[in-house]
Amino acid sequence: MARLTINQETLERLRAGQPWGVFAEQIGVDSGTLSRIRHGLSQPGPSFIANAVTRLPVRMDDLVTVVEDDAA
């Protein structure tokens, strides 16, 4: 089964050194949600992706990566 992961380098570039809480507010997501996505504890969902690509100068395919899980 495939899953989405966040591109950490892109996220860091977009954050541009501002605190993670401020960055979460900028893209309209809860800081806890952003933290879980950053640490790989949850996948970026449709709302997270939609908020990010509409509020930041980023394309969806630069923000997220599809990863194939080995276990099927």
N, C-alpha and C. Protein backbone atom coordinates (compact mmCIF):
# COMPACT_ATOMS: atom_id res chain seq x y z
N MET A 1 0.84 -1.18 0.00
CA MET A 1 0.00 0.00 0.00
C MET A 1 0.89 1.24 0.00
N ALA A 2 0.49 2.25 -0.70
CA ALA A 2 1.26 3.49 -0.77
C ALA A 2 0.78 4.48 0.30
N ARG A 3 1.71 5.36 0.68
CA ARG A 3 1.36 6.41 1.64
C ARG A 3 2.09 7.68 1.25
N LEU A 4 1.65 8.81 1.79
CA LEU A 4 2.29 10.09 1.54
C LEU A 4 3.22 10.44 2.68
N THR A 5 4.36 11.01 2.33
CA THR A 5 5.27 11.56 3.33
C THR A 5 5.59 13.00 2.93
N ILE A 6 5.94 13.77 3.90
CA ILE A 6 6.28 15.17 3.65
C ILE A 6 7.74 15.26 3.22
N ASN A 7 8.04 16.13 2.30
CA ASN A 7 9.42 16.37 1.90
C ASN A 7 10.02 17.33 2.92
N GLN A 8 10.87 16.82 3.79
CA GLN A 8 11.43 17.60 4.89
C GLN A 8 12.25 18.79 4.41
N GLU A 9 13.01 18.61 3.35
CA GLU A 9 13.84 19.71 2.84
C GLU A 9 12.97 20.85 2.34
N THR A 10 11.90 20.52 1.64
CA THR A 10 10.99 21.55 1.14
C THR A 10 10.32 22.26 2.30
N LEU A 11 9.86 21.51 3.29
CA LEU A 11 9.20 22.11 4.44
C LEU A 11 10.15 23.05 5.18
N GLU A 12 11.37 22.64 5.35
CA GLU A 12 12.36 23.49 6.02
C GLU A 12 12.62 24.77 5.23
N ARG A 13 12.72 24.64 3.92
CA ARG A 13 12.95 25.82 3.06
C ARG A 13 11.78 26.79 3.17
N LEU A 14 10.56 26.26 3.16
CA LEU A 14 9.37 27.10 3.24
C LEU A 14 9.24 27.78 4.61
N ARG A 15 9.66 27.11 5.64
CA ARG A 15 9.61 27.66 7.00
C ARG A 15 10.52 28.87 7.13
N ALA A 16 11.62 28.86 6.42
CA ALA A 16 12.55 29.99 6.36
C ALA A 16 12.99 30.46 7.75
N GLY A 17 13.23 29.52 8.65
CA GLY A 17 13.78 29.85 9.95
C GLY A 17 12.79 30.33 11.00
N GLN A 18 11.53 30.52 10.62
CA GLN A 18 10.57 30.97 11.62
C GLN A 18 10.20 29.82 12.55
N PRO A 19 9.71 30.12 13.75
CA PRO A 19 9.32 29.05 14.67
C PRO A 19 8.24 28.16 14.06
N TRP A 20 8.29 26.87 14.42
CA TRP A 20 7.33 25.91 13.84
C TRP A 20 5.89 26.30 14.14
N GLY A 21 5.61 26.83 15.31
CA GLY A 21 4.25 27.24 15.66
C GLY A 21 3.75 28.36 14.77
N VAL A 22 4.61 29.32 14.47
CA VAL A 22 4.25 30.42 13.57
C VAL A 22 4.02 29.89 12.16
N PHE A 23 4.87 28.97 11.74
CA PHE A 23 4.73 28.38 10.42
C PHE A 23 3.42 27.60 10.31
N ALA A 24 3.07 26.85 11.34
CA ALA A 24 1.81 26.11 11.34
C ALA A 24 0.63 27.06 11.21
N GLU A 25 0.69 28.16 11.95
CA GLU A 25 -0.36 29.17 11.87
C GLU A 25 -0.45 29.76 10.47
N GLN A 26 0.69 30.00 9.87
CA GLN A 26 0.74 30.56 8.52
C GLN A 26 0.02 29.67 7.50
N ILE A 27 0.16 28.36 7.65
CA ILE A 27 -0.49 27.47 6.70
C ILE A 27 -1.84 26.97 7.19
N GLY A 28 -2.26 27.45 8.36
CA GLY A 28 -3.61 27.15 8.82
C GLY A 28 -3.81 25.75 9.38
N VAL A 29 -2.77 25.21 10.01
CA VAL A 29 -2.90 23.90 10.65
C VAL A 29 -2.47 24.00 12.10
N ASP A 30 -2.92 23.07 12.90
CA ASP A 30 -2.54 22.99 14.30
C ASP A 30 -1.06 22.63 14.41
N SER A 31 -0.37 23.24 15.36
CA SER A 31 1.06 22.96 15.50
C SER A 31 1.33 21.50 15.86
N GLY A 32 0.40 20.87 16.59
CA GLY A 32 0.55 19.45 16.90
C GLY A 32 0.46 18.59 15.66
N THR A 33 -0.45 18.95 14.77
CA THR A 33 -0.58 18.23 13.50
C THR A 33 0.69 18.35 12.69
N LEU A 34 1.21 19.56 12.60
CA LEU A 34 2.45 19.78 11.86
C LEU A 34 3.59 18.97 12.47
N SER A 35 3.67 18.94 13.78
CA SER A 35 4.72 18.19 14.46
C SER A 35 4.62 16.69 14.14
N ARG A 36 3.42 16.14 14.20
CA ARG A 36 3.24 14.71 13.90
C ARG A 36 3.61 14.39 12.45
N ILE A 37 3.26 15.28 11.54
CA ILE A 37 3.61 15.07 10.13
C ILE A 37 5.12 15.17 9.95
N ARG A 38 5.74 16.17 10.56
CA ARG A 38 7.19 16.35 10.45
C ARG A 38 7.96 15.15 10.96
N HIS A 39 7.47 14.54 12.03
CA HIS A 39 8.18 13.42 12.64
C HIS A 39 7.74 12.06 12.10
N GLY A 40 6.89 12.07 11.08
CA GLY A 40 6.48 10.82 10.45
C GLY A 40 5.47 10.01 11.24
N LEU A 41 4.85 10.64 12.24
CA LEU A 41 3.87 9.92 13.06
C LEU A 41 2.49 9.91 12.42
N SER A 42 2.25 10.83 11.49
CA SER A 42 1.01 10.81 10.70
C SER A 42 1.32 11.32 9.31
N GLN A 43 0.45 11.00 8.40
CA GLN A 43 0.62 11.38 7.01
C GLN A 43 -0.04 12.72 6.75
N PRO A 44 0.50 13.51 5.83
CA PRO A 44 -0.17 14.76 5.48
C PRO A 44 -1.47 14.44 4.74
N GLY A 45 -2.57 14.91 5.28
CA GLY A 45 -3.88 14.66 4.69
C GLY A 45 -4.27 15.73 3.69
N PRO A 46 -5.44 15.58 3.11
CA PRO A 46 -5.90 16.52 2.08
C PRO A 46 -5.96 17.97 2.58
N SER A 47 -6.43 18.19 3.80
CA SER A 47 -6.54 19.56 4.31
C SER A 47 -5.16 20.19 4.49
N PHE A 48 -4.23 19.42 5.04
CA PHE A 48 -2.87 19.93 5.22
C PHE A 48 -2.26 20.31 3.87
N ILE A 49 -2.36 19.41 2.91
CA ILE A 49 -1.77 19.65 1.59
C ILE A 49 -2.44 20.83 0.92
N ALA A 50 -3.77 20.89 0.95
CA ALA A 50 -4.50 21.99 0.32
C ALA A 50 -4.13 23.33 0.95
N ASN A 51 -4.07 23.38 2.27
CA ASN A 51 -3.68 24.62 2.95
C ASN A 51 -2.28 25.04 2.55
N ALA A 52 -1.36 24.11 2.55
CA ALA A 52 0.04 24.44 2.24
C ALA A 52 0.20 24.95 0.81
N VAL A 53 -0.41 24.27 -0.15
CA VAL A 53 -0.18 24.69 -1.55
C VAL A 53 -0.95 25.95 -1.92
N THR A 54 -1.99 26.28 -1.16
CA THR A 54 -2.70 27.53 -1.46
C THR A 54 -2.12 28.73 -0.71
N ARG A 55 -1.39 28.47 0.37
CA ARG A 55 -0.87 29.58 1.18
C ARG A 55 0.64 29.77 1.05
N LEU A 56 1.31 28.85 0.42
CA LEU A 56 2.76 28.91 0.28
C LEU A 56 3.16 28.78 -1.18
N PRO A 57 4.35 29.27 -1.53
CA PRO A 57 4.82 29.13 -2.91
C PRO A 57 5.42 27.74 -3.14
N VAL A 58 4.54 26.73 -3.19
CA VAL A 58 5.01 25.36 -3.36
C VAL A 58 4.01 24.56 -4.17
N ARG A 59 4.52 23.64 -4.95
CA ARG A 59 3.66 22.71 -5.69
C ARG A 59 3.49 21.45 -4.87
N MET A 60 2.35 20.80 -5.05
CA MET A 60 2.06 19.60 -4.29
C MET A 60 3.14 18.53 -4.48
N ASP A 61 3.62 18.34 -5.69
CA ASP A 61 4.60 17.28 -5.92
C ASP A 61 5.98 17.63 -5.34
N ASP A 62 6.21 18.88 -4.97
CA ASP A 62 7.43 19.23 -4.27
C ASP A 62 7.28 19.09 -2.75
N LEU A 63 6.03 19.11 -2.28
CA LEU A 63 5.75 19.06 -0.85
C LEU A 63 5.63 17.64 -0.31
N VAL A 64 5.00 16.77 -1.09
CA VAL A 64 4.78 15.41 -0.62
C VAL A 64 5.36 14.39 -1.59
N THR A 65 5.68 13.23 -1.05
CA THR A 65 6.22 12.13 -1.84
C THR A 65 5.38 10.89 -1.57
N VAL A 66 5.11 10.13 -2.62
CA VAL A 66 4.41 8.86 -2.45
C VAL A 66 5.45 7.78 -2.20
N VAL A 67 5.24 7.04 -1.11
CA VAL A 67 6.16 5.97 -0.72
C VAL A 67 5.39 4.66 -0.76
N GLU A 68 5.96 3.69 -1.42
CA GLU A 68 5.38 2.35 -1.45
C GLU A 68 5.86 1.57 -0.25
N ASP A 69 4.92 1.04 0.53
CA ASP A 69 5.29 0.19 1.65
C ASP A 69 5.67 -1.19 1.11
N ASP A 70 6.63 -1.83 1.73
CA ASP A 70 7.07 -3.15 1.29
C ASP A 70 6.04 -4.22 1.61
N ALA A 71 5.36 -4.09 2.73
CA ALA A 71 4.36 -5.08 3.13
C ALA A 71 3.07 -4.84 2.38
N ALA A 72 2.62 -5.84 1.68
CA ALA A 72 1.38 -5.70 0.92
C ALA A 72 0.34 -6.68 1.42
